[in-house]
Amino acid sequence: MGYAIAEAAVEAGHDVTLISGPVHLDPPRAARLVSIVTSDEMSDEIHRHLRDCDALVMCAAVADYKPAEVSPRKIRKRDETLSLELIPTRDILSSLPKKDREFLVVGFAAETNDVEESAEKKLRAKNCDVIVANDVSRANSGMESDENEVTILFRSGERQKISRAPKKIIARELVKIFSNMREKCLTKKM
């Protein structure tokens, strides 16, 4: 979804910086690609680029947890169980400035149950301007699928649904919505 949104934003004439972990997708040609591997690198790069952005679209968390320790060597198989200690990764959305920010913050909520309720909580807790919620419990929609359907929740309480469609079509609609929101924010400040 992130690559589809980046492509739609480029097509709409926006300057795009795509911060991405390893994937098997080609980035849009006109987008600036910043490659990262770890969740810490993602956080650092996002904060590095904030001052230059009008809209920050956070399509997916890198991971919610990471290993407490990283082994420099292969961990060999043994005849006993192995336990890994996991610690929370940095919460990038929560780390963003809360006041006087000059950019739109769009989060995504990939949920398996209570989709809209969970997204509403995330919208408030993470101080987002918009949350795009999608149900990832089905194999034919969301992750690992070329199609999706989403519900967009706005801070105003308004909700808008985009019915099941190819991600490229949904991305174009989302970019229009984000662009209109950004324009309204700029108009209010004048």
N, C-alpha and C. Protein backbone atom coordinates (compact mmCIF):
# COMPACT_ATOMS: atom_id res chain seq x y z
N MET A 1 0.83 -1.19 0.00
CA MET A 1 0.00 0.00 0.00
C MET A 1 0.87 1.25 0.00
N GLY A 2 1.96 1.21 0.74
CA GLY A 2 2.85 2.37 0.80
C GLY A 2 3.45 2.72 -0.55
N TYR A 3 3.85 1.71 -1.30
CA TYR A 3 4.41 1.95 -2.62
C TYR A 3 3.34 2.47 -3.58
N ALA A 4 2.12 1.97 -3.44
CA ALA A 4 1.02 2.45 -4.29
C ALA A 4 0.71 3.91 -3.97
N ILE A 5 0.74 4.28 -2.70
CA ILE A 5 0.50 5.68 -2.32
C ILE A 5 1.63 6.56 -2.82
N ALA A 6 2.87 6.11 -2.69
CA ALA A 6 4.00 6.89 -3.20
C ALA A 6 3.87 7.11 -4.70
N GLU A 7 3.50 6.07 -5.42
CA GLU A 7 3.33 6.19 -6.87
C GLU A 7 2.19 7.15 -7.22
N ALA A 8 1.06 7.05 -6.51
CA ALA A 8 -0.07 7.95 -6.75
C ALA A 8 0.30 9.39 -6.44
N ALA A 9 1.08 9.61 -5.39
CA ALA A 9 1.50 10.97 -5.02
C ALA A 9 2.43 11.55 -6.09
N VAL A 10 3.34 10.73 -6.61
CA VAL A 10 4.22 11.17 -7.70
C VAL A 10 3.38 11.53 -8.93
N GLU A 11 2.43 10.66 -9.27
CA GLU A 11 1.56 10.91 -10.44
C GLU A 11 0.77 12.21 -10.27
N ALA A 12 0.43 12.54 -9.03
CA ALA A 12 -0.34 13.77 -8.75
C ALA A 12 0.55 15.01 -8.69
N GLY A 13 1.85 14.83 -8.90
CA GLY A 13 2.77 15.96 -8.96
C GLY A 13 3.44 16.32 -7.65
N HIS A 14 3.33 15.47 -6.65
CA HIS A 14 3.96 15.74 -5.35
C HIS A 14 5.40 15.24 -5.33
N ASP A 15 6.24 15.92 -4.55
CA ASP A 15 7.59 15.42 -4.27
C ASP A 15 7.44 14.34 -3.22
N VAL A 16 8.07 13.19 -3.45
CA VAL A 16 7.88 12.05 -2.55
C VAL A 16 9.23 11.52 -2.08
N THR A 17 9.35 11.37 -0.77
CA THR A 17 10.46 10.63 -0.18
C THR A 17 9.86 9.36 0.39
N LEU A 18 10.32 8.23 -0.11
CA LEU A 18 9.81 6.93 0.31
C LEU A 18 10.85 6.28 1.21
N ILE A 19 10.52 6.14 2.48
CA ILE A 19 11.42 5.49 3.43
C ILE A 19 10.92 4.06 3.57
N SER A 20 11.75 3.12 3.17
CA SER A 20 11.27 1.75 3.06
C SER A 20 12.30 0.73 3.53
N GLY A 21 11.77 -0.30 4.16
CA GLY A 21 12.58 -1.47 4.48
C GLY A 21 12.70 -2.34 3.24
N PRO A 22 13.37 -3.48 3.36
CA PRO A 22 13.57 -4.36 2.21
C PRO A 22 12.24 -4.93 1.69
N VAL A 23 12.00 -4.73 0.42
CA VAL A 23 10.81 -5.27 -0.25
C VAL A 23 11.21 -5.73 -1.65
N HIS A 24 10.32 -6.45 -2.30
CA HIS A 24 10.55 -6.89 -3.67
C HIS A 24 9.67 -6.08 -4.62
N LEU A 25 9.71 -4.76 -4.45
CA LEU A 25 8.93 -3.84 -5.28
C LEU A 25 9.85 -2.75 -5.80
N ASP A 26 9.56 -2.28 -6.99
CA ASP A 26 10.32 -1.16 -7.54
C ASP A 26 9.68 0.14 -7.06
N PRO A 27 10.47 1.06 -6.52
CA PRO A 27 9.89 2.33 -6.10
C PRO A 27 9.53 3.18 -7.32
N PRO A 28 8.59 4.10 -7.17
CA PRO A 28 8.29 5.01 -8.28
C PRO A 28 9.56 5.74 -8.70
N ARG A 29 9.75 5.91 -10.00
CA ARG A 29 11.00 6.49 -10.51
C ARG A 29 11.31 7.87 -9.95
N ALA A 30 10.29 8.69 -9.81
CA ALA A 30 10.54 10.07 -9.37
C ALA A 30 10.60 10.22 -7.86
N ALA A 31 10.39 9.15 -7.12
CA ALA A 31 10.46 9.23 -5.65
C ALA A 31 11.91 9.11 -5.19
N ARG A 32 12.23 9.83 -4.12
CA ARG A 32 13.53 9.66 -3.48
C ARG A 32 13.40 8.49 -2.53
N LEU A 33 14.21 7.45 -2.73
CA LEU A 33 14.14 6.26 -1.89
C LEU A 33 15.20 6.33 -0.80
N VAL A 34 14.77 6.13 0.43
CA VAL A 34 15.67 6.02 1.56
C VAL A 34 15.49 4.59 2.08
N SER A 35 16.52 3.78 1.92
CA SER A 35 16.44 2.38 2.33
C SER A 35 16.88 2.21 3.79
N ILE A 36 16.08 1.48 4.51
CA ILE A 36 16.39 1.17 5.91
C ILE A 36 16.23 -0.33 6.12
N VAL A 37 16.74 -0.81 7.25
CA VAL A 37 16.58 -2.23 7.58
C VAL A 37 15.88 -2.39 8.93
N THR A 38 16.27 -1.58 9.91
CA THR A 38 15.74 -1.77 11.26
C THR A 38 14.67 -0.72 11.60
N SER A 39 13.92 -1.02 12.64
CA SER A 39 12.91 -0.07 13.11
C SER A 39 13.57 1.20 13.65
N ASP A 40 14.75 1.08 14.25
CA ASP A 40 15.46 2.27 14.73
C ASP A 40 15.88 3.16 13.57
N GLU A 41 16.33 2.54 12.48
CA GLU A 41 16.69 3.32 11.29
C GLU A 41 15.47 4.03 10.71
N MET A 42 14.32 3.34 10.71
CA MET A 42 13.08 3.96 10.23
C MET A 42 12.76 5.19 11.06
N SER A 43 12.81 5.06 12.36
CA SER A 43 12.52 6.18 13.24
C SER A 43 13.48 7.34 12.99
N ASP A 44 14.76 7.05 12.91
CA ASP A 44 15.76 8.10 12.68
C ASP A 44 15.51 8.82 11.35
N GLU A 45 15.25 8.08 10.29
CA GLU A 45 15.04 8.69 8.97
C GLU A 45 13.76 9.52 8.93
N ILE A 46 12.71 9.04 9.56
CA ILE A 46 11.47 9.82 9.58
C ILE A 46 11.71 11.15 10.29
N HIS A 47 12.35 11.10 11.44
CA HIS A 47 12.60 12.34 12.17
C HIS A 47 13.56 13.26 11.39
N ARG A 48 14.46 12.69 10.64
CA ARG A 48 15.39 13.49 9.82
C ARG A 48 14.64 14.24 8.70
N HIS A 49 13.58 13.65 8.17
CA HIS A 49 12.87 14.23 7.03
C HIS A 49 11.62 15.03 7.42
N LEU A 50 11.26 15.07 8.69
CA LEU A 50 10.03 15.75 9.11
C LEU A 50 9.97 17.22 8.72
N ARG A 51 11.07 17.92 8.90
CA ARG A 51 11.03 19.36 8.66
C ARG A 51 10.79 19.71 7.19
N ASP A 52 10.97 18.73 6.31
CA ASP A 52 10.77 18.97 4.88
C ASP A 52 9.44 18.44 4.36
N CYS A 53 8.58 17.95 5.25
CA CYS A 53 7.38 17.30 4.73
C CYS A 53 6.12 18.09 4.98
N ASP A 54 5.17 17.94 4.05
CA ASP A 54 3.83 18.52 4.19
C ASP A 54 2.84 17.48 4.70
N ALA A 55 3.11 16.23 4.36
CA ALA A 55 2.26 15.12 4.81
C ALA A 55 3.14 13.92 5.09
N LEU A 56 2.94 13.32 6.23
CA LEU A 56 3.67 12.11 6.62
C LEU A 56 2.65 10.98 6.61
N VAL A 57 2.86 10.02 5.72
CA VAL A 57 1.94 8.89 5.59
C VAL A 57 2.67 7.65 6.09
N MET A 58 2.21 7.14 7.22
CA MET A 58 2.84 5.99 7.87
C MET A 58 1.99 4.75 7.60
N CYS A 59 2.33 4.02 6.55
CA CYS A 59 1.49 2.91 6.09
C CYS A 59 1.57 1.66 6.93
N ALA A 60 2.71 1.39 7.52
CA ALA A 60 2.83 0.15 8.28
C ALA A 60 3.95 0.27 9.29
N ALA A 61 3.75 -0.36 10.42
CA ALA A 61 4.82 -0.42 11.41
C ALA A 61 5.87 -1.41 10.91
N VAL A 62 7.13 -1.11 11.17
CA VAL A 62 8.19 -2.04 10.81
C VAL A 62 7.97 -3.33 11.57
N ALA A 63 7.79 -3.23 12.85
CA ALA A 63 7.49 -4.36 13.74
C ALA A 63 7.16 -3.75 15.09
N ASP A 64 6.35 -4.43 15.84
CA ASP A 64 6.01 -3.93 17.17
C ASP A 64 7.06 -4.31 18.21
N TYR A 65 7.81 -5.39 17.93
CA TYR A 65 8.83 -5.87 18.85
C TYR A 65 10.10 -6.21 18.09
N LYS A 66 11.21 -6.21 18.83
CA LYS A 66 12.49 -6.62 18.27
C LYS A 66 13.22 -7.45 19.33
N PRO A 67 14.21 -8.23 18.92
CA PRO A 67 14.96 -9.02 19.91
C PRO A 67 15.71 -8.12 20.88
N ALA A 68 15.72 -8.50 22.14
CA ALA A 68 16.47 -7.74 23.15
C ALA A 68 17.95 -7.81 22.86
N GLU A 69 18.41 -8.94 22.37
CA GLU A 69 19.81 -9.13 21.99
C GLU A 69 19.86 -9.69 20.58
N VAL A 70 20.84 -9.23 19.82
CA VAL A 70 21.06 -9.75 18.47
C VAL A 70 22.37 -10.52 18.49
N SER A 71 22.30 -11.75 18.06
CA SER A 71 23.50 -12.59 18.04
C SER A 71 24.35 -12.24 16.83
N PRO A 72 25.64 -12.06 17.03
CA PRO A 72 26.51 -11.76 15.89
C PRO A 72 26.77 -13.01 15.03
N ARG A 73 26.38 -14.16 15.55
CA ARG A 73 26.62 -15.42 14.85
C ARG A 73 25.32 -16.19 14.72
N LYS A 74 25.37 -17.19 13.87
CA LYS A 74 24.24 -18.10 13.72
C LYS A 74 23.99 -18.82 15.04
N ILE A 75 22.74 -18.93 15.42
CA ILE A 75 22.38 -19.69 16.60
C ILE A 75 22.12 -21.12 16.12
N ARG A 76 22.96 -22.01 16.52
CA ARG A 76 22.88 -23.39 16.05
C ARG A 76 21.70 -24.13 16.68
N LYS A 77 21.15 -25.03 15.92
CA LYS A 77 20.04 -25.86 16.38
C LYS A 77 20.51 -26.79 17.50
N ARG A 78 19.65 -26.89 18.51
CA ARG A 78 19.92 -27.77 19.65
C ARG A 78 18.69 -28.62 19.91
N ASP A 79 18.82 -29.57 20.77
CA ASP A 79 17.69 -30.43 21.13
C ASP A 79 16.91 -29.89 22.32
N GLU A 80 16.94 -28.60 22.49
CA GLU A 80 16.20 -27.98 23.59
C GLU A 80 15.47 -26.77 23.04
N THR A 81 14.50 -26.33 23.77
CA THR A 81 13.75 -25.16 23.31
C THR A 81 14.61 -23.91 23.45
N LEU A 82 14.26 -22.93 22.67
CA LEU A 82 14.98 -21.66 22.69
C LEU A 82 13.96 -20.55 22.90
N SER A 83 14.22 -19.69 23.82
CA SER A 83 13.33 -18.56 24.06
C SER A 83 14.06 -17.28 23.68
N LEU A 84 13.34 -16.41 23.03
CA LEU A 84 13.88 -15.10 22.67
C LEU A 84 13.14 -14.04 23.47
N GLU A 85 13.88 -13.11 24.03
CA GLU A 85 13.25 -12.00 24.72
C GLU A 85 13.01 -10.90 23.70
N LEU A 86 11.78 -10.43 23.63
CA LEU A 86 11.43 -9.35 22.72
C LEU A 86 11.14 -8.09 23.51
N ILE A 87 11.57 -6.96 22.96
CA ILE A 87 11.29 -5.67 23.58
C ILE A 87 10.54 -4.81 22.56
N PRO A 88 9.74 -3.87 23.04
CA PRO A 88 9.00 -3.02 22.10
C PRO A 88 9.94 -2.16 21.25
N THR A 89 9.57 -1.97 20.00
CA THR A 89 10.30 -1.04 19.14
C THR A 89 9.83 0.38 19.49
N ARG A 90 10.55 1.37 18.99
CA ARG A 90 10.13 2.76 19.19
C ARG A 90 8.78 2.96 18.51
N ASP A 91 7.91 3.68 19.14
CA ASP A 91 6.60 4.00 18.56
C ASP A 91 6.75 5.31 17.80
N ILE A 92 6.94 5.21 16.50
CA ILE A 92 7.26 6.39 15.70
C ILE A 92 6.12 7.39 15.71
N LEU A 93 4.88 6.93 15.52
CA LEU A 93 3.75 7.86 15.52
C LEU A 93 3.65 8.62 16.84
N SER A 94 3.84 7.92 17.94
CA SER A 94 3.76 8.58 19.25
C SER A 94 4.91 9.55 19.49
N SER A 95 6.01 9.38 18.78
CA SER A 95 7.18 10.23 18.99
C SER A 95 7.12 11.54 18.20
N LEU A 96 6.12 11.70 17.36
CA LEU A 96 6.03 12.91 16.53
C LEU A 96 5.61 14.12 17.37
N PRO A 97 5.97 15.31 16.92
CA PRO A 97 5.54 16.52 17.64
C PRO A 97 4.01 16.54 17.78
N LYS A 98 3.53 16.98 18.92
CA LYS A 98 2.09 17.01 19.17
C LYS A 98 1.47 18.36 18.83
N LYS A 99 2.23 19.43 19.00
CA LYS A 99 1.68 20.78 18.82
C LYS A 99 2.45 21.51 17.73
N ASP A 100 1.75 22.45 17.13
CA ASP A 100 2.36 23.36 16.15
C ASP A 100 3.11 22.64 15.03
N ARG A 101 2.66 21.48 14.64
CA ARG A 101 3.35 20.83 13.54
C ARG A 101 2.79 21.37 12.23
N GLU A 102 3.64 21.43 11.26
CA GLU A 102 3.30 22.00 9.96
C GLU A 102 2.97 20.94 8.92
N PHE A 103 2.78 19.71 9.34
CA PHE A 103 2.53 18.64 8.39
C PHE A 103 1.35 17.79 8.85
N LEU A 104 0.71 17.17 7.88
CA LEU A 104 -0.41 16.27 8.12
C LEU A 104 0.14 14.91 8.52
N VAL A 105 -0.45 14.28 9.54
CA VAL A 105 -0.01 12.95 9.96
C VAL A 105 -1.12 11.94 9.67
N VAL A 106 -0.77 10.98 8.82
CA VAL A 106 -1.69 9.91 8.44
C VAL A 106 -1.12 8.60 8.95
N GLY A 107 -1.88 7.92 9.78
CA GLY A 107 -1.49 6.61 10.26
C GLY A 107 -2.36 5.54 9.62
N PHE A 108 -1.92 4.32 9.72
CA PHE A 108 -2.70 3.18 9.23
C PHE A 108 -2.93 2.25 10.39
N ALA A 109 -4.07 1.61 10.39
CA ALA A 109 -4.41 0.63 11.42
C ALA A 109 -4.79 -0.67 10.72
N ALA A 110 -3.85 -1.59 10.71
CA ALA A 110 -4.11 -2.93 10.16
C ALA A 110 -4.64 -3.77 11.32
N GLU A 111 -5.91 -4.11 11.26
CA GLU A 111 -6.56 -4.77 12.39
C GLU A 111 -7.19 -6.10 11.96
N THR A 112 -7.36 -6.99 12.92
CA THR A 112 -8.00 -8.28 12.65
C THR A 112 -9.37 -8.38 13.30
N ASN A 113 -9.68 -7.50 14.23
CA ASN A 113 -11.00 -7.48 14.86
C ASN A 113 -11.25 -6.09 15.41
N ASP A 114 -12.52 -5.77 15.61
CA ASP A 114 -12.91 -4.44 16.10
C ASP A 114 -12.17 -3.35 15.34
N VAL A 115 -12.20 -3.45 14.03
CA VAL A 115 -11.35 -2.63 13.15
C VAL A 115 -11.55 -1.13 13.40
N GLU A 116 -12.78 -0.64 13.27
CA GLU A 116 -13.00 0.80 13.39
C GLU A 116 -12.80 1.30 14.82
N GLU A 117 -13.19 0.50 15.80
CA GLU A 117 -13.01 0.90 17.20
C GLU A 117 -11.52 1.00 17.54
N SER A 118 -10.75 0.02 17.08
CA SER A 118 -9.30 0.04 17.34
C SER A 118 -8.64 1.21 16.62
N ALA A 119 -9.08 1.46 15.40
CA ALA A 119 -8.52 2.58 14.63
C ALA A 119 -8.85 3.92 15.29
N GLU A 120 -10.05 4.05 15.81
CA GLU A 120 -10.46 5.29 16.50
C GLU A 120 -9.56 5.53 17.71
N LYS A 121 -9.29 4.49 18.48
CA LYS A 121 -8.40 4.62 19.64
C LYS A 121 -7.00 5.04 19.21
N LYS A 122 -6.52 4.45 18.12
CA LYS A 122 -5.18 4.77 17.62
C LYS A 122 -5.12 6.21 17.12
N LEU A 123 -6.16 6.66 16.45
CA LEU A 123 -6.24 8.04 15.95
C LEU A 123 -6.01 9.02 17.10
N ARG A 124 -6.69 8.80 18.20
CA ARG A 124 -6.59 9.70 19.36
C ARG A 124 -5.26 9.52 20.10
N ALA A 125 -4.91 8.27 20.38
CA ALA A 125 -3.70 7.99 21.18
C ALA A 125 -2.43 8.45 20.49
N LYS A 126 -2.38 8.32 19.17
CA LYS A 126 -1.16 8.65 18.43
C LYS A 126 -1.18 10.08 17.88
N ASN A 127 -2.28 10.82 18.16
CA ASN A 127 -2.39 12.20 17.73
C ASN A 127 -2.28 12.35 16.21
N CYS A 128 -2.92 11.46 15.49
CA CYS A 128 -2.93 11.53 14.02
C CYS A 128 -4.04 12.47 13.56
N ASP A 129 -3.89 12.98 12.36
CA ASP A 129 -4.95 13.77 11.74
C ASP A 129 -5.96 12.85 11.06
N VAL A 130 -5.45 11.71 10.58
CA VAL A 130 -6.26 10.74 9.85
C VAL A 130 -5.70 9.35 10.15
N ILE A 131 -6.61 8.38 10.22
CA ILE A 131 -6.21 6.97 10.30
C ILE A 131 -6.93 6.24 9.18
N VAL A 132 -6.18 5.42 8.46
CA VAL A 132 -6.76 4.57 7.43
C VAL A 132 -6.79 3.16 8.01
N ALA A 133 -8.00 2.66 8.21
CA ALA A 133 -8.18 1.34 8.84
C ALA A 133 -8.46 0.29 7.78
N ASN A 134 -7.82 -0.85 7.95
CA ASN A 134 -8.15 -1.98 7.07
C ASN A 134 -8.13 -3.28 7.86
N ASP A 135 -9.03 -4.16 7.44
CA ASP A 135 -9.18 -5.47 8.07
C ASP A 135 -8.22 -6.42 7.38
N VAL A 136 -7.22 -6.89 8.11
CA VAL A 136 -6.22 -7.78 7.52
C VAL A 136 -6.45 -9.24 7.93
N SER A 137 -7.65 -9.52 8.41
CA SER A 137 -7.94 -10.90 8.82
C SER A 137 -8.28 -11.80 7.63
N ARG A 138 -8.59 -11.19 6.49
CA ARG A 138 -8.94 -11.97 5.30
C ARG A 138 -7.73 -12.08 4.38
N ALA A 139 -7.57 -13.22 3.76
CA ALA A 139 -6.43 -13.46 2.88
C ALA A 139 -6.51 -12.67 1.58
N ASN A 140 -7.71 -12.26 1.16
CA ASN A 140 -7.86 -11.60 -0.13
C ASN A 140 -7.89 -10.09 -0.04
N SER A 141 -7.48 -9.54 1.09
CA SER A 141 -7.51 -8.09 1.25
C SER A 141 -6.42 -7.67 2.23
N GLY A 142 -5.86 -6.49 2.01
CA GLY A 142 -4.85 -5.98 2.93
C GLY A 142 -3.47 -6.47 2.58
N MET A 143 -2.78 -7.05 3.54
CA MET A 143 -1.40 -7.48 3.35
C MET A 143 -1.31 -8.65 2.37
N GLU A 144 -0.25 -8.67 1.62
CA GLU A 144 0.02 -9.76 0.67
C GLU A 144 -1.08 -9.91 -0.37
N SER A 145 -1.81 -8.86 -0.64
CA SER A 145 -2.87 -8.87 -1.64
C SER A 145 -2.75 -7.60 -2.46
N ASP A 146 -3.14 -7.67 -3.73
CA ASP A 146 -3.13 -6.47 -4.58
C ASP A 146 -4.38 -5.64 -4.40
N GLU A 147 -5.31 -6.12 -3.58
CA GLU A 147 -6.55 -5.40 -3.34
C GLU A 147 -6.70 -5.08 -1.86
N ASN A 148 -7.57 -4.12 -1.60
CA ASN A 148 -7.82 -3.71 -0.24
C ASN A 148 -9.16 -3.02 -0.18
N GLU A 149 -9.66 -2.78 0.99
CA GLU A 149 -10.79 -1.89 1.24
C GLU A 149 -10.48 -1.22 2.56
N VAL A 150 -10.80 0.05 2.65
CA VAL A 150 -10.39 0.81 3.83
C VAL A 150 -11.50 1.71 4.33
N THR A 151 -11.39 2.06 5.59
CA THR A 151 -12.23 3.09 6.19
C THR A 151 -11.30 4.17 6.69
N ILE A 152 -11.57 5.39 6.30
CA ILE A 152 -10.74 6.53 6.70
C ILE A 152 -11.46 7.22 7.85
N LEU A 153 -10.76 7.38 8.96
CA LEU A 153 -11.30 8.06 10.13
C LEU A 153 -10.57 9.39 10.30
N PHE A 154 -11.34 10.44 10.42
CA PHE A 154 -10.79 11.79 10.55
C PHE A 154 -10.92 12.25 12.00
N ARG A 155 -10.06 13.14 12.37
CA ARG A 155 -10.08 13.68 13.74
C ARG A 155 -11.43 14.34 14.05
N SER A 156 -12.10 14.86 13.05
CA SER A 156 -13.41 15.51 13.22
C SER A 156 -14.51 14.53 13.59
N GLY A 157 -14.24 13.23 13.46
CA GLY A 157 -15.26 12.22 13.72
C GLY A 157 -15.86 11.66 12.44
N GLU A 158 -15.62 12.34 11.33
CA GLU A 158 -16.14 11.88 10.04
C GLU A 158 -15.45 10.57 9.64
N ARG A 159 -16.17 9.75 8.90
CA ARG A 159 -15.62 8.50 8.37
C ARG A 159 -15.97 8.40 6.90
N GLN A 160 -15.06 7.80 6.16
CA GLN A 160 -15.28 7.61 4.73
C GLN A 160 -14.77 6.23 4.34
N LYS A 161 -15.57 5.49 3.60
CA LYS A 161 -15.18 4.15 3.18
C LYS A 161 -14.77 4.16 1.71
N ILE A 162 -13.76 3.36 1.41
CA ILE A 162 -13.40 3.09 0.02
C ILE A 162 -13.57 1.59 -0.15
N SER A 163 -14.50 1.22 -1.02
CA SER A 163 -14.83 -0.19 -1.23
C SER A 163 -13.66 -0.95 -1.84
N ARG A 164 -13.76 -2.26 -1.75
CA ARG A 164 -12.73 -3.17 -2.27
C ARG A 164 -12.36 -2.80 -3.70
N ALA A 165 -11.04 -2.62 -3.90
CA ALA A 165 -10.52 -2.23 -5.21
C ALA A 165 -9.02 -2.52 -5.22
N PRO A 166 -8.40 -2.48 -6.40
CA PRO A 166 -6.94 -2.60 -6.44
C PRO A 166 -6.29 -1.49 -5.61
N LYS A 167 -5.17 -1.81 -4.99
CA LYS A 167 -4.49 -0.84 -4.13
C LYS A 167 -4.12 0.43 -4.87
N LYS A 168 -3.80 0.33 -6.15
CA LYS A 168 -3.45 1.54 -6.92
C LYS A 168 -4.62 2.51 -6.99
N ILE A 169 -5.84 1.98 -7.12
CA ILE A 169 -7.04 2.84 -7.17
C ILE A 169 -7.28 3.46 -5.80
N ILE A 170 -7.17 2.65 -4.75
CA ILE A 170 -7.35 3.16 -3.39
C ILE A 170 -6.30 4.22 -3.10
N ALA A 171 -5.07 3.98 -3.52
CA ALA A 171 -3.98 4.95 -3.28
C ALA A 171 -4.29 6.29 -3.93
N ARG A 172 -4.81 6.28 -5.14
CA ARG A 172 -5.15 7.55 -5.82
C ARG A 172 -6.22 8.31 -5.03
N GLU A 173 -7.22 7.59 -4.54
CA GLU A 173 -8.27 8.23 -3.74
C GLU A 173 -7.71 8.79 -2.44
N LEU A 174 -6.85 8.02 -1.80
CA LEU A 174 -6.23 8.49 -0.55
C LEU A 174 -5.39 9.74 -0.79
N VAL A 175 -4.61 9.77 -1.84
CA VAL A 175 -3.78 10.94 -2.13
C VAL A 175 -4.66 12.17 -2.35
N LYS A 176 -5.79 12.02 -3.03
CA LYS A 176 -6.72 13.14 -3.22
C LYS A 176 -7.22 13.64 -1.86
N ILE A 177 -7.61 12.71 -1.00
CA ILE A 177 -8.12 13.07 0.33
C ILE A 177 -7.03 13.78 1.14
N PHE A 178 -5.83 13.24 1.16
CA PHE A 178 -4.74 13.85 1.93
C PHE A 178 -4.41 15.24 1.38
N SER A 179 -4.37 15.37 0.05
CA SER A 179 -4.07 16.67 -0.58
C SER A 179 -5.12 17.70 -0.22
N ASN A 180 -6.38 17.31 -0.27
CA ASN A 180 -7.47 18.24 0.09
C ASN A 180 -7.38 18.65 1.55
N MET A 181 -7.06 17.70 2.42
CA MET A 181 -6.91 18.03 3.84
C MET A 181 -5.77 19.01 4.06
N ARG A 182 -4.67 18.78 3.38
CA ARG A 182 -3.51 19.65 3.52
C ARG A 182 -3.85 21.06 3.05
N GLU A 183 -4.55 21.16 1.93
CA GLU A 183 -4.95 22.48 1.41
C GLU A 183 -5.87 23.19 2.40
N LYS A 184 -6.81 22.46 2.99
CA LYS A 184 -7.71 23.07 3.98
C LYS A 184 -6.94 23.58 5.19
N CYS A 185 -5.94 22.82 5.64
CA CYS A 185 -5.10 23.25 6.77
C CYS A 185 -4.36 24.53 6.44
N LEU A 186 -3.81 24.61 5.24
CA LEU A 186 -3.07 25.82 4.84
C LEU A 186 -4.01 27.02 4.73
N THR A 187 -5.21 26.80 4.21
CA THR A 187 -6.17 27.88 4.05
C THR A 187 -6.59 28.43 5.41
N LYS A 188 -6.79 27.57 6.40
CA LYS A 188 -7.17 28.01 7.74
C LYS A 188 -6.10 28.85 8.41
N LYS A 189 -4.84 28.59 8.08
CA LYS A 189 -3.73 29.33 8.73
C LYS A 189 -3.53 30.70 8.13
N MET A 190 -4.09 30.93 6.95
CA MET A 190 -3.90 32.24 6.29
C MET A 190 -4.79 33.30 6.84
